[in-house]
Protein backbone atom coordinates (compact mmCIF):
# COMPACT_ATOMS: atom_id res chain seq x y z
CA MET A 1 0.23 8.10 28.70
CA LYS A 2 -0.15 9.80 25.31
CA ILE A 3 1.69 8.88 22.13
CA ALA A 4 4.39 11.40 21.21
CA PRO A 5 3.61 13.42 18.06
CA PHE A 6 7.24 13.36 16.93
CA SER A 7 9.92 10.70 16.94
CA HIS A 8 12.20 12.79 19.19
CA PHE A 9 10.58 14.18 22.33
CA TRP A 10 11.27 15.14 25.93
CA LYS A 11 9.01 14.20 28.77
CA PRO A 12 9.39 16.60 31.72
CA TRP A 13 9.54 14.77 35.01
CA ALA A 14 10.12 17.42 37.67
CA VAL A 15 10.51 21.16 38.19
CA ILE A 16 13.23 22.77 40.30
CA LYS A 17 12.01 26.17 41.46
CA GLN A 18 15.29 27.38 42.89
CA ASP A 19 18.71 28.19 41.52
CA LEU A 20 21.23 25.36 41.51
CA ASN A 21 24.71 25.97 42.84
CA PRO A 22 27.59 24.96 40.56
CA GLY A 23 28.97 21.55 41.39
CA ASN A 24 28.53 17.81 40.95
CA TYR A 25 25.19 16.15 41.51
CA THR A 26 24.26 12.47 41.66
CA ILE A 27 20.99 11.06 40.34
CA LEU A 28 19.56 7.54 40.41
CA ILE A 29 17.80 6.36 37.25
CA GLU A 30 15.76 3.15 37.17
CA ASN A 31 14.97 1.45 33.89
CA ASN A 32 11.25 0.70 34.24
CA TRP A 33 10.48 0.57 30.50
CA ASP A 34 12.79 -1.13 28.04
CA THR A 35 13.46 0.90 24.89
CA LYS A 36 15.43 -1.75 22.99
CA ILE A 37 12.31 -3.22 21.37
CA PHE A 38 11.81 -0.04 19.29
CA LYS A 39 15.49 1.02 19.12
CA GLY A 40 14.90 3.96 21.46
CA THR A 41 17.26 5.69 23.86
CA LYS A 42 16.90 7.44 27.18
CA GLY A 43 18.75 10.40 28.60
CA PHE A 44 18.73 13.00 31.34
CA VAL A 45 18.59 16.71 30.53
CA ILE A 46 18.52 19.75 32.80
CA THR A 47 17.15 22.74 30.91
CA THR A 48 15.25 25.97 31.40
CA THR A 49 11.64 26.49 30.36
CA ASN A 50 9.45 29.44 29.53
CA VAL A 51 5.73 30.16 29.71
CA TYR A 52 5.09 27.98 26.65
CA GLY A 53 6.69 24.97 28.33
CA GLY A 54 9.98 24.55 26.52
CA TRP A 55 13.04 26.15 25.11
CA ASN A 56 11.65 26.33 21.56
CA LEU A 57 9.48 29.41 21.03
CA PHE A 58 8.11 28.32 17.63
CA LEU A 59 5.03 26.60 19.05
CA GLY A 60 4.11 29.58 21.23
CA TYR A 61 4.56 32.06 18.41
CA SER A 62 2.56 29.89 16.03
CA PHE A 63 -0.34 29.74 18.54
CA ILE A 64 -0.31 33.55 18.80
CA VAL A 65 -0.19 34.03 15.00
CA VAL A 66 -2.97 31.52 14.30
CA GLY A 67 -5.13 33.02 17.06
CA ALA A 68 -4.61 36.55 15.73
CA LEU A 69 -5.44 35.46 12.17
CA SER A 70 -8.57 33.65 13.38
CA LEU A 71 -9.69 36.72 15.31
CA LEU A 72 -9.04 38.98 12.33
CA SER A 73 -10.92 36.73 9.90
CA GLY A 74 -13.80 36.45 12.36
CA LEU A 75 -14.01 40.23 12.62
CA LEU A 76 -13.86 40.63 8.82
CA PHE A 77 -16.62 38.08 8.23
CA GLY A 78 -18.70 39.67 10.99
CA MET A 79 -18.33 43.11 9.43
CA LYS A 80 -19.24 41.71 6.02
CA LEU A 81 -22.33 40.06 7.48
CA LEU A 82 -23.46 43.27 9.20
CA THR A 83 -22.85 45.56 6.21
CA ARG A 84 -24.39 43.44 3.43
CA LYS A 85 -27.63 44.55 1.84
CA LYS A 86 -30.72 42.48 2.40
CA GLN A 87 -31.92 40.67 -0.72
CA LYS A 88 -35.59 40.37 -1.50
CA PHE A 89 -36.79 37.09 -2.88
CA ALA A 90 -39.82 36.96 -5.21
């Protein structure tokens, strides 16, 4: 089990790969780990996800931007390396 990077986090437990019909559902939750010692809380959330894993697109977009900037800087440094003039040392 990894430590959460932020104080507020969600840990996905299961995936439902079919549409749910409107109505009432009953779930059973067991308290296997006490959260009172660090003043934590537990809850149950049903949400949708995307290809990046969650409902917040910031992390996915930031990965794409950082990857594109890294690729661009790599290409620029590569072009600079290939086009520089050779220096002669005495």
